[in-house]
């Protein structure tokens, strides 16, 4: 199995992952969950995920709201290290 490294991703993908990491940290999450990435991807009104949702006759705003709600319900880390 090959290992994924940053040089195998597009700049947009690297930015999306970095934004998901920032969102997870801001939310107090100890891990970056796929939901954090989904929120970032659906937040881009012209992005591929939003376009795919529209093509599938889904409302991107509704999906984004559901993804945010689910991400907000994830466990958070508290305390000191």
C-alpha atoms as a PDB file:
ATOM      1  CA  UNK A   1       0.000   0.000   0.000  1.00  0.00           C
ATOM      2  CA  UNK A   2       1.454   3.345  -0.970  1.00  0.00           C
ATOM      3  CA  UNK A   3       1.711   6.161   1.485  1.00  0.00           C
ATOM      4  CA  UNK A   4       0.004   9.470   0.746  1.00  0.00           C
ATOM      5  CA  UNK A   5       2.215  12.516   0.938  1.00  0.00           C
ATOM      6  CA  UNK A   6       1.432  16.161   0.317  1.00  0.00           C
ATOM      7  CA  UNK A   7       3.192  16.145  -3.035  1.00  0.00           C
ATOM      8  CA  UNK A   8       0.493  13.807  -4.365  1.00  0.00           C
ATOM      9  CA  UNK A   9      -2.314  16.306  -3.661  1.00  0.00           C
ATOM     10  CA  UNK A  10      -3.398  19.388  -5.575  1.00  0.00           C
ATOM     11  CA  UNK A  11      -2.998  22.776  -3.930  1.00  0.00           C
ATOM     12  CA  UNK A  12      -6.773  22.911  -3.470  1.00  0.00           C
ATOM     13  CA  UNK A  13      -6.776  19.547  -1.683  1.00  0.00           C
ATOM     14  CA  UNK A  14      -3.939  20.624   0.612  1.00  0.00           C
ATOM     15  CA  UNK A  15      -5.827  23.827   1.440  1.00  0.00           C
ATOM     16  CA  UNK A  16      -9.035  21.876   2.140  1.00  0.00           C
ATOM     17  CA  UNK A  17      -7.258  19.508   4.543  1.00  0.00           C
ATOM     18  CA  UNK A  18      -5.519  22.422   6.267  1.00  0.00           C
ATOM     19  CA  UNK A  19      -8.867  24.208   6.643  1.00  0.00           C
ATOM     20  CA  UNK A  20     -10.427  21.037   8.063  1.00  0.00           C
ATOM     21  CA  UNK A  21      -7.578  20.776  10.577  1.00  0.00           C
ATOM     22  CA  UNK A  22      -8.078  24.418  11.571  1.00  0.00           C
ATOM     23  CA  UNK A  23     -11.827  23.897  11.947  1.00  0.00           C
ATOM     24  CA  UNK A  24     -11.305  20.815  14.094  1.00  0.00           C
ATOM     25  CA  UNK A  25      -8.826  22.647  16.306  1.00  0.00           C
ATOM     26  CA  UNK A  26     -11.127  25.661  16.639  1.00  0.00           C
ATOM     27  CA  UNK A  27     -13.967  23.344  17.644  1.00  0.00           C
ATOM     28  CA  UNK A  28     -11.807  21.747  20.338  1.00  0.00           C
ATOM     29  CA  UNK A  29     -11.667  18.394  18.597  1.00  0.00           C
ATOM     30  CA  UNK A  30      -8.750  16.091  19.330  1.00  0.00           C
ATOM     31  CA  UNK A  31      -8.951  14.622  15.820  1.00  0.00           C
ATOM     32  CA  UNK A  32      -9.820  15.763  12.328  1.00  0.00           C
ATOM     33  CA  UNK A  33     -12.982  13.932  11.352  1.00  0.00           C
ATOM     34  CA  UNK A  34     -14.185  13.464   7.769  1.00  0.00           C
ATOM     35  CA  UNK A  35     -17.101  15.702   8.771  1.00  0.00           C
ATOM     36  CA  UNK A  36     -14.675  18.612   9.225  1.00  0.00           C
ATOM     37  CA  UNK A  37     -13.466  18.084   5.676  1.00  0.00           C
ATOM     38  CA  UNK A  38     -17.021  17.756   4.357  1.00  0.00           C
ATOM     39  CA  UNK A  39     -17.968  21.084   5.950  1.00  0.00           C
ATOM     40  CA  UNK A  40     -14.977  22.749   4.295  1.00  0.00           C
ATOM     41  CA  UNK A  41     -15.746  21.220   0.909  1.00  0.00           C
ATOM     42  CA  UNK A  42     -19.439  22.119   1.038  1.00  0.00           C
ATOM     43  CA  UNK A  43     -18.562  25.660   2.135  1.00  0.00           C
ATOM     44  CA  UNK A  44     -16.981  26.311  -1.258  1.00  0.00           C
ATOM     45  CA  UNK A  45     -19.961  27.448  -3.329  1.00  0.00           C
ATOM     46  CA  UNK A  46     -18.122  26.826  -6.595  1.00  0.00           C
ATOM     47  CA  UNK A  47     -16.241  23.707  -5.485  1.00  0.00           C
ATOM     48  CA  UNK A  48     -16.542  20.248  -6.960  1.00  0.00           C
ATOM     49  CA  UNK A  49     -18.447  18.807  -3.992  1.00  0.00           C
ATOM     50  CA  UNK A  50     -21.076  21.543  -4.167  1.00  0.00           C
ATOM     51  CA  UNK A  51     -21.366  21.058  -7.921  1.00  0.00           C
ATOM     52  CA  UNK A  52     -21.768  17.302  -7.465  1.00  0.00           C
ATOM     53  CA  UNK A  53     -24.489  17.857  -4.893  1.00  0.00           C
ATOM     54  CA  UNK A  54     -26.382  20.084  -7.305  1.00  0.00           C
ATOM     55  CA  UNK A  55     -26.016  17.527 -10.103  1.00  0.00           C
ATOM     56  CA  UNK A  56     -27.472  14.917  -7.768  1.00  0.00           C
ATOM     57  CA  UNK A  57     -30.441  17.233  -7.146  1.00  0.00           C
ATOM     58  CA  UNK A  58     -29.367  17.820  -3.556  1.00  0.00           C
ATOM     59  CA  UNK A  59     -29.370  21.246  -1.924  1.00  0.00           C
ATOM     60  CA  UNK A  60     -25.774  22.091  -0.933  1.00  0.00           C
ATOM     61  CA  UNK A  61     -26.973  24.486   1.785  1.00  0.00           C
ATOM     62  CA  UNK A  62     -29.052  21.747   3.395  1.00  0.00           C
ATOM     63  CA  UNK A  63     -26.140  19.313   3.209  1.00  0.00           C
ATOM     64  CA  UNK A  64     -23.806  21.933   4.684  1.00  0.00           C
ATOM     65  CA  UNK A  65     -26.186  22.619   7.572  1.00  0.00           C
ATOM     66  CA  UNK A  66     -26.467  18.889   8.304  1.00  0.00           C
ATOM     67  CA  UNK A  67     -22.694  18.412   8.097  1.00  0.00           C
ATOM     68  CA  UNK A  68     -22.087  21.374  10.433  1.00  0.00           C
ATOM     69  CA  UNK A  69     -24.639  20.031  12.892  1.00  0.00           C
ATOM     70  CA  UNK A  70     -23.027  16.603  12.860  1.00  0.00           C
ATOM     71  CA  UNK A  71     -19.528  18.092  13.219  1.00  0.00           C
ATOM     72  CA  UNK A  72     -20.700  20.223  16.142  1.00  0.00           C
ATOM     73  CA  UNK A  73     -21.924  17.060  17.867  1.00  0.00           C
ATOM     74  CA  UNK A  74     -18.494  15.395  17.737  1.00  0.00           C
ATOM     75  CA  UNK A  75     -16.704  14.907  21.041  1.00  0.00           C
ATOM     76  CA  UNK A  76     -14.286  17.632  22.102  1.00  0.00           C
ATOM     77  CA  UNK A  77     -11.060  17.429  24.024  1.00  0.00           C
ATOM     78  CA  UNK A  78     -10.666  19.411  27.216  1.00  0.00           C
ATOM     79  CA  UNK A  79      -7.976  19.785  29.804  1.00  0.00           C
ATOM     80  CA  UNK A  80      -4.278  20.496  29.708  1.00  0.00           C
ATOM     81  CA  UNK A  81      -1.343  18.559  28.441  1.00  0.00           C
END
